Amino acid sequence: MKEIVNGTAEIAIGLIVLCGALLSALSAFGLIRLPDVYLRAHAATKSTTLGVFCVLIGTFFFFWYFDNYISARVLLGIVFVFITAPVAGHLNARAAYRTDVPLWEQSVQDELEPLLKGKKVNHEAKDMME
């Protein structure tokens, strides 16, 4: 009976890690295929963060289940990635915008321009920026 449970745990953990690898590959394709820096930053932060999370959580569960070892390093890695990756992506996109990197021609909305150029803005959007 324990062999069946171990086999099921191996498969579940393997699927979690595989899901993380596929999300990371999806992020790489997004970096190659998407047309401008803002969409590429979105692909790099969203799917890579979730991909790394899946790989690290699979690693955590593997060592916890099979070795009875709870790794604080893996947990800290998960927290570190979740804190730094979205912030870094946001700062890169903001820096690109402030240095006038153009939006893709088919972009339909630029909500940051009125706020930075001093034009009349929607107060709800302005409140969200503060």
N, C-alpha and C. Protein backbone atom coordinates (compact mmCIF):
# COMPACT_ATOMS: atom_id res chain seq x y z
N MET A 1 0.82 -1.20 0.00
CA MET A 1 0.00 0.00 0.00
C MET A 1 0.86 1.27 0.00
N LYS A 2 1.97 1.23 0.77
CA LYS A 2 2.85 2.40 0.83
C LYS A 2 3.49 2.68 -0.53
N GLU A 3 3.75 1.62 -1.32
CA GLU A 3 4.33 1.82 -2.64
C GLU A 3 3.38 2.57 -3.56
N ILE A 4 2.08 2.30 -3.42
CA ILE A 4 1.09 3.00 -4.24
C ILE A 4 1.04 4.48 -3.87
N VAL A 5 1.07 4.75 -2.58
CA VAL A 5 1.05 6.14 -2.12
C VAL A 5 2.33 6.86 -2.56
N ASN A 6 3.47 6.18 -2.45
CA ASN A 6 4.73 6.78 -2.89
C ASN A 6 4.71 7.06 -4.39
N GLY A 7 4.18 6.12 -5.15
CA GLY A 7 4.09 6.32 -6.59
C GLY A 7 3.16 7.47 -6.95
N THR A 8 2.06 7.58 -6.24
CA THR A 8 1.13 8.68 -6.48
C THR A 8 1.76 10.02 -6.11
N ALA A 9 2.48 10.04 -5.00
CA ALA A 9 3.16 11.27 -4.59
C ALA A 9 4.22 11.67 -5.61
N GLU A 10 4.98 10.70 -6.12
CA GLU A 10 5.98 10.99 -7.14
C GLU A 10 5.34 11.58 -8.38
N ILE A 11 4.22 11.00 -8.80
CA ILE A 11 3.54 11.50 -10.00
C ILE A 11 3.01 12.91 -9.76
N ALA A 12 2.39 13.15 -8.61
CA ALA A 12 1.85 14.47 -8.32
C ALA A 12 2.95 15.53 -8.26
N ILE A 13 4.04 15.20 -7.59
CA ILE A 13 5.16 16.14 -7.49
C ILE A 13 5.78 16.36 -8.87
N GLY A 14 5.91 15.29 -9.63
CA GLY A 14 6.44 15.42 -10.99
C GLY A 14 5.56 16.31 -11.87
N LEU A 15 4.25 16.20 -11.72
CA LEU A 15 3.34 17.05 -12.50
C LEU A 15 3.45 18.52 -12.09
N ILE A 16 3.64 18.76 -10.81
CA ILE A 16 3.81 20.14 -10.36
C ILE A 16 5.09 20.74 -10.95
N VAL A 17 6.17 19.97 -10.91
CA VAL A 17 7.44 20.45 -11.47
C VAL A 17 7.33 20.60 -12.99
N LEU A 18 6.66 19.67 -13.65
CA LEU A 18 6.46 19.77 -15.10
C LEU A 18 5.63 21.00 -15.45
N CYS A 19 4.62 21.28 -14.67
CA CYS A 19 3.81 22.48 -14.87
C CYS A 19 4.68 23.73 -14.76
N GLY A 20 5.56 23.76 -13.79
CA GLY A 20 6.48 24.88 -13.63
C GLY A 20 7.42 25.03 -14.81
N ALA A 21 7.92 23.90 -15.31
CA ALA A 21 8.81 23.95 -16.46
C ALA A 21 8.08 24.44 -17.71
N LEU A 22 6.84 24.00 -17.89
CA LEU A 22 6.05 24.45 -19.04
C LEU A 22 5.73 25.94 -18.95
N LEU A 23 5.42 26.42 -17.76
CA LEU A 23 5.17 27.86 -17.60
C LEU A 23 6.43 28.68 -17.87
N SER A 24 7.57 28.17 -17.47
CA SER A 24 8.83 28.87 -17.75
C SER A 24 9.12 28.87 -19.25
N ALA A 25 8.82 27.76 -19.92
CA ALA A 25 8.99 27.72 -21.38
C ALA A 25 8.02 28.68 -22.06
N LEU A 26 6.81 28.76 -21.56
CA LEU A 26 5.83 29.71 -22.10
C LEU A 26 6.34 31.14 -21.94
N SER A 27 6.96 31.41 -20.84
CA SER A 27 7.54 32.73 -20.62
C SER A 27 8.65 33.02 -21.63
N ALA A 28 9.47 32.03 -21.91
CA ALA A 28 10.54 32.21 -22.89
C ALA A 28 9.97 32.48 -24.28
N PHE A 29 8.91 31.76 -24.65
CA PHE A 29 8.27 32.03 -25.95
C PHE A 29 7.66 33.43 -25.97
N GLY A 30 7.10 33.86 -24.85
CA GLY A 30 6.55 35.21 -24.78
C GLY A 30 7.62 36.27 -24.96
N LEU A 31 8.79 36.03 -24.39
CA LEU A 31 9.89 36.99 -24.56
C LEU A 31 10.34 37.08 -26.01
N ILE A 32 10.25 35.98 -26.73
CA ILE A 32 10.67 35.97 -28.12
C ILE A 32 9.60 36.54 -29.04
N ARG A 33 8.34 36.18 -28.81
CA ARG A 33 7.27 36.47 -29.76
C ARG A 33 6.52 37.78 -29.55
N LEU A 34 6.45 38.29 -28.34
CA LEU A 34 5.63 39.47 -28.10
C LEU A 34 6.29 40.73 -28.67
N PRO A 35 5.48 41.70 -29.12
CA PRO A 35 6.00 42.79 -29.95
C PRO A 35 6.71 43.93 -29.24
N ASP A 36 6.38 44.24 -28.00
CA ASP A 36 7.06 45.38 -27.38
C ASP A 36 7.55 45.05 -25.98
N VAL A 37 8.30 45.97 -25.41
CA VAL A 37 8.96 45.71 -24.13
C VAL A 37 7.95 45.53 -23.00
N TYR A 38 6.81 46.17 -23.09
CA TYR A 38 5.82 46.08 -22.01
C TYR A 38 5.15 44.71 -21.98
N LEU A 39 4.81 44.19 -23.13
CA LEU A 39 4.23 42.85 -23.18
C LEU A 39 5.27 41.80 -22.82
N ARG A 40 6.50 42.04 -23.21
CA ARG A 40 7.57 41.10 -22.84
C ARG A 40 7.81 41.10 -21.34
N ALA A 41 7.75 42.27 -20.73
CA ALA A 41 7.90 42.35 -19.28
C ALA A 41 6.77 41.60 -18.59
N HIS A 42 5.58 41.71 -19.15
CA HIS A 42 4.44 40.98 -18.59
C HIS A 42 4.68 39.48 -18.66
N ALA A 43 5.14 39.00 -19.82
CA ALA A 43 5.40 37.57 -19.97
C ALA A 43 6.52 37.12 -19.03
N ALA A 44 7.52 37.94 -18.90
CA ALA A 44 8.66 37.56 -18.07
C ALA A 44 8.30 37.48 -16.60
N THR A 45 7.46 38.37 -16.13
CA THR A 45 7.17 38.37 -14.70
C THR A 45 6.06 37.42 -14.32
N LYS A 46 4.99 37.39 -15.07
CA LYS A 46 3.82 36.59 -14.66
C LYS A 46 4.10 35.10 -14.74
N SER A 47 4.43 34.62 -15.92
CA SER A 47 4.57 33.17 -16.06
C SER A 47 5.87 32.65 -15.45
N THR A 48 6.90 33.45 -15.46
CA THR A 48 8.14 32.99 -14.84
C THR A 48 7.98 32.88 -13.32
N THR A 49 7.29 33.84 -12.73
CA THR A 49 7.07 33.77 -11.28
C THR A 49 6.28 32.53 -10.91
N LEU A 50 5.22 32.26 -11.65
CA LEU A 50 4.42 31.07 -11.37
C LEU A 50 5.20 29.79 -11.70
N GLY A 51 6.00 29.81 -12.76
CA GLY A 51 6.80 28.64 -13.11
C GLY A 51 7.84 28.32 -12.05
N VAL A 52 8.54 29.32 -11.58
CA VAL A 52 9.54 29.10 -10.53
C VAL A 52 8.85 28.66 -9.25
N PHE A 53 7.67 29.24 -8.95
CA PHE A 53 6.91 28.82 -7.78
C PHE A 53 6.57 27.34 -7.85
N CYS A 54 6.10 26.86 -9.01
CA CYS A 54 5.73 25.45 -9.13
C CYS A 54 6.94 24.54 -8.97
N VAL A 55 8.06 24.91 -9.56
CA VAL A 55 9.26 24.09 -9.42
C VAL A 55 9.72 24.06 -7.96
N LEU A 56 9.73 25.20 -7.31
CA LEU A 56 10.18 25.24 -5.92
C LEU A 56 9.21 24.54 -4.98
N ILE A 57 7.91 24.66 -5.23
CA ILE A 57 6.95 23.98 -4.36
C ILE A 57 7.02 22.47 -4.59
N GLY A 58 7.28 22.05 -5.82
CA GLY A 58 7.50 20.63 -6.08
C GLY A 58 8.73 20.11 -5.36
N THR A 59 9.79 20.90 -5.36
CA THR A 59 11.00 20.54 -4.64
C THR A 59 10.74 20.45 -3.14
N PHE A 60 10.01 21.42 -2.62
CA PHE A 60 9.68 21.42 -1.19
C PHE A 60 8.89 20.17 -0.82
N PHE A 61 7.85 19.86 -1.60
CA PHE A 61 7.04 18.68 -1.30
C PHE A 61 7.83 17.38 -1.44
N PHE A 62 8.74 17.32 -2.41
CA PHE A 62 9.56 16.12 -2.58
C PHE A 62 10.39 15.84 -1.34
N PHE A 63 11.14 16.84 -0.90
CA PHE A 63 11.99 16.63 0.27
C PHE A 63 11.18 16.44 1.54
N TRP A 64 10.04 17.10 1.62
CA TRP A 64 9.19 16.95 2.80
C TRP A 64 8.59 15.55 2.87
N TYR A 65 8.13 15.02 1.75
CA TYR A 65 7.46 13.73 1.75
C TYR A 65 8.45 12.56 1.81
N PHE A 66 9.49 12.62 1.00
CA PHE A 66 10.38 11.46 0.88
C PHE A 66 11.54 11.47 1.88
N ASP A 67 12.01 12.64 2.27
CA ASP A 67 13.14 12.70 3.20
C ASP A 67 12.75 13.21 4.58
N ASN A 68 11.50 13.58 4.77
CA ASN A 68 11.03 14.14 6.04
C ASN A 68 11.86 15.36 6.43
N TYR A 69 12.14 16.20 5.44
CA TYR A 69 13.01 17.36 5.62
C TYR A 69 12.28 18.60 5.12
N ILE A 70 12.07 19.55 5.99
CA ILE A 70 11.45 20.82 5.59
C ILE A 70 12.57 21.82 5.36
N SER A 71 12.69 22.26 4.13
CA SER A 71 13.79 23.14 3.75
C SER A 71 13.38 24.60 3.87
N ALA A 72 14.01 25.29 4.79
CA ALA A 72 13.76 26.72 4.95
C ALA A 72 14.32 27.50 3.76
N ARG A 73 15.37 26.99 3.15
CA ARG A 73 15.95 27.67 1.99
C ARG A 73 14.98 27.70 0.82
N VAL A 74 14.29 26.59 0.59
CA VAL A 74 13.31 26.55 -0.50
C VAL A 74 12.15 27.50 -0.19
N LEU A 75 11.69 27.50 1.05
CA LEU A 75 10.61 28.41 1.43
C LEU A 75 11.03 29.87 1.28
N LEU A 76 12.25 30.19 1.68
CA LEU A 76 12.76 31.55 1.50
C LEU A 76 12.92 31.89 0.03
N GLY A 77 13.31 30.91 -0.78
CA GLY A 77 13.39 31.13 -2.22
C GLY A 77 12.04 31.47 -2.82
N ILE A 78 11.00 30.77 -2.38
CA ILE A 78 9.65 31.05 -2.86
C ILE A 78 9.24 32.48 -2.48
N VAL A 79 9.46 32.85 -1.23
CA VAL A 79 9.10 34.20 -0.78
C VAL A 79 9.90 35.25 -1.54
N PHE A 80 11.20 35.01 -1.72
CA PHE A 80 12.06 35.96 -2.41
C PHE A 80 11.61 36.17 -3.85
N VAL A 81 11.28 35.09 -4.55
CA VAL A 81 10.83 35.21 -5.94
C VAL A 81 9.51 35.96 -6.01
N PHE A 82 8.59 35.65 -5.11
CA PHE A 82 7.29 36.32 -5.14
C PHE A 82 7.39 37.80 -4.79
N ILE A 83 8.39 38.19 -4.03
CA ILE A 83 8.54 39.60 -3.69
C ILE A 83 9.30 40.35 -4.79
N THR A 84 10.37 39.78 -5.29
CA THR A 84 11.25 40.53 -6.18
C THR A 84 10.86 40.51 -7.64
N ALA A 85 10.35 39.41 -8.16
CA ALA A 85 10.08 39.32 -9.60
C ALA A 85 9.02 40.32 -10.07
N PRO A 86 7.87 40.42 -9.43
CA PRO A 86 6.89 41.41 -9.91
C PRO A 86 7.38 42.86 -9.75
N VAL A 87 8.09 43.14 -8.67
CA VAL A 87 8.60 44.49 -8.46
C VAL A 87 9.63 44.84 -9.53
N ALA A 88 10.52 43.91 -9.84
CA ALA A 88 11.53 44.15 -10.87
C ALA A 88 10.88 44.34 -12.23
N GLY A 89 9.88 43.54 -12.55
CA GLY A 89 9.17 43.71 -13.82
C GLY A 89 8.48 45.05 -13.91
N HIS A 90 7.86 45.47 -12.82
CA HIS A 90 7.19 46.78 -12.79
C HIS A 90 8.20 47.91 -12.97
N LEU A 91 9.32 47.83 -12.27
CA LEU A 91 10.33 48.88 -12.38
C LEU A 91 10.94 48.93 -13.77
N ASN A 92 11.16 47.79 -14.39
CA ASN A 92 11.68 47.78 -15.76
C ASN A 92 10.70 48.41 -16.74
N ALA A 93 9.42 48.07 -16.60
CA ALA A 93 8.41 48.64 -17.49
C ALA A 93 8.28 50.14 -17.25
N ARG A 94 8.32 50.57 -16.00
CA ARG A 94 8.22 52.00 -15.70
C ARG A 94 9.44 52.75 -16.25
N ALA A 95 10.62 52.16 -16.13
CA ALA A 95 11.81 52.80 -16.69
C ALA A 95 11.73 52.89 -18.21
N ALA A 96 11.22 51.85 -18.84
CA ALA A 96 11.05 51.89 -20.30
C ALA A 96 10.07 52.98 -20.70
N TYR A 97 8.99 53.11 -19.96
CA TYR A 97 7.99 54.13 -20.27
C TYR A 97 8.56 55.53 -20.09
N ARG A 98 9.29 55.74 -19.01
CA ARG A 98 9.83 57.08 -18.74
C ARG A 98 10.96 57.45 -19.70
N THR A 99 11.58 56.48 -20.35
CA THR A 99 12.60 56.79 -21.36
C THR A 99 12.01 56.77 -22.76
N ASP A 100 10.69 56.84 -22.84
CA ASP A 100 9.94 56.97 -24.10
C ASP A 100 10.12 55.80 -25.05
N VAL A 101 10.19 54.61 -24.53
CA VAL A 101 10.14 53.42 -25.39
C VAL A 101 8.71 53.33 -25.90
N PRO A 102 8.52 53.27 -27.22
CA PRO A 102 7.15 53.34 -27.76
C PRO A 102 6.33 52.10 -27.45
N LEU A 103 5.02 52.33 -27.29
CA LEU A 103 4.08 51.23 -27.15
C LEU A 103 3.90 50.56 -28.51
N TRP A 104 3.41 49.36 -28.50
CA TRP A 104 3.07 48.65 -29.72
C TRP A 104 1.98 49.43 -30.45
N GLU A 105 2.00 49.44 -31.79
CA GLU A 105 1.03 50.22 -32.56
C GLU A 105 -0.41 49.83 -32.25
N GLN A 106 -0.64 48.57 -31.93
CA GLN A 106 -2.00 48.10 -31.70
C GLN A 106 -2.41 48.17 -30.23
N SER A 107 -1.62 48.81 -29.40
CA SER A 107 -2.02 49.03 -28.02
C SER A 107 -3.20 49.99 -28.01
N VAL A 108 -4.20 49.70 -27.20
CA VAL A 108 -5.42 50.49 -27.25
C VAL A 108 -5.52 51.51 -26.13
N GLN A 109 -4.69 51.44 -25.12
CA GLN A 109 -4.86 52.32 -23.98
C GLN A 109 -3.51 52.64 -23.35
N ASP A 110 -3.36 53.89 -22.99
CA ASP A 110 -2.17 54.33 -22.27
C ASP A 110 -2.65 55.15 -21.07
N GLU A 111 -2.83 54.49 -19.95
CA GLU A 111 -3.37 55.16 -18.77
C GLU A 111 -2.33 55.97 -18.01
N LEU A 112 -1.08 55.76 -18.28
CA LEU A 112 -0.04 56.46 -17.53
C LEU A 112 0.30 57.82 -18.12
N GLU A 113 0.06 58.01 -19.41
CA GLU A 113 0.43 59.27 -20.07
C GLU A 113 -0.22 60.49 -19.43
N PRO A 114 -1.54 60.50 -19.19
CA PRO A 114 -2.12 61.71 -18.58
C PRO A 114 -1.57 62.00 -17.19
N LEU A 115 -1.24 60.98 -16.46
CA LEU A 115 -0.72 61.19 -15.10
C LEU A 115 0.67 61.80 -15.12
N LEU A 116 1.49 61.40 -16.08
CA LEU A 116 2.86 61.90 -16.12
C LEU A 116 2.96 63.22 -16.88
N LYS A 117 2.05 63.48 -17.79
CA LYS A 117 2.12 64.69 -18.61
C LYS A 117 1.32 65.85 -18.01
N GLY A 118 0.61 65.61 -16.89
CA GLY A 118 -0.12 66.68 -16.23
C GLY A 118 -1.44 67.03 -16.89
N LYS A 119 -2.02 66.14 -17.67
CA LYS A 119 -3.30 66.39 -18.31
C LYS A 119 -4.43 66.10 -17.34
N LYS A 120 -5.65 66.49 -17.74
CA LYS A 120 -6.82 66.20 -16.92
C LYS A 120 -7.01 64.69 -16.87
N VAL A 121 -7.15 64.15 -15.66
CA VAL A 121 -7.22 62.71 -15.49
C VAL A 121 -8.48 62.31 -14.76
N ASN A 122 -8.79 61.06 -14.88
CA ASN A 122 -9.87 60.45 -14.11
C ASN A 122 -9.38 60.34 -12.67
N HIS A 123 -10.13 60.86 -11.73
CA HIS A 123 -9.67 60.89 -10.34
C HIS A 123 -9.54 59.51 -9.73
N GLU A 124 -10.32 58.54 -10.19
CA GLU A 124 -10.18 57.18 -9.67
C GLU A 124 -8.83 56.61 -10.06
N ALA A 125 -8.40 56.86 -11.29
CA ALA A 125 -7.08 56.38 -11.72
C ALA A 125 -5.98 57.10 -10.96
N LYS A 126 -6.17 58.39 -10.71
CA LYS A 126 -5.16 59.15 -9.98
C LYS A 126 -5.04 58.65 -8.54
N ASP A 127 -6.17 58.33 -7.92
CA ASP A 127 -6.14 57.81 -6.56
C ASP A 127 -5.40 56.48 -6.50
N MET A 128 -5.53 55.67 -7.54
CA MET A 128 -4.86 54.36 -7.54
C MET A 128 -3.36 54.53 -7.71
N MET A 129 -2.91 55.62 -8.32
CA MET A 129 -1.48 55.83 -8.53
C MET A 129 -0.79 56.36 -7.28
N GLU A 130 -1.54 56.90 -6.34
CA GLU A 130 -0.92 57.49 -5.15
C GLU A 130 -0.64 56.47 -4.10
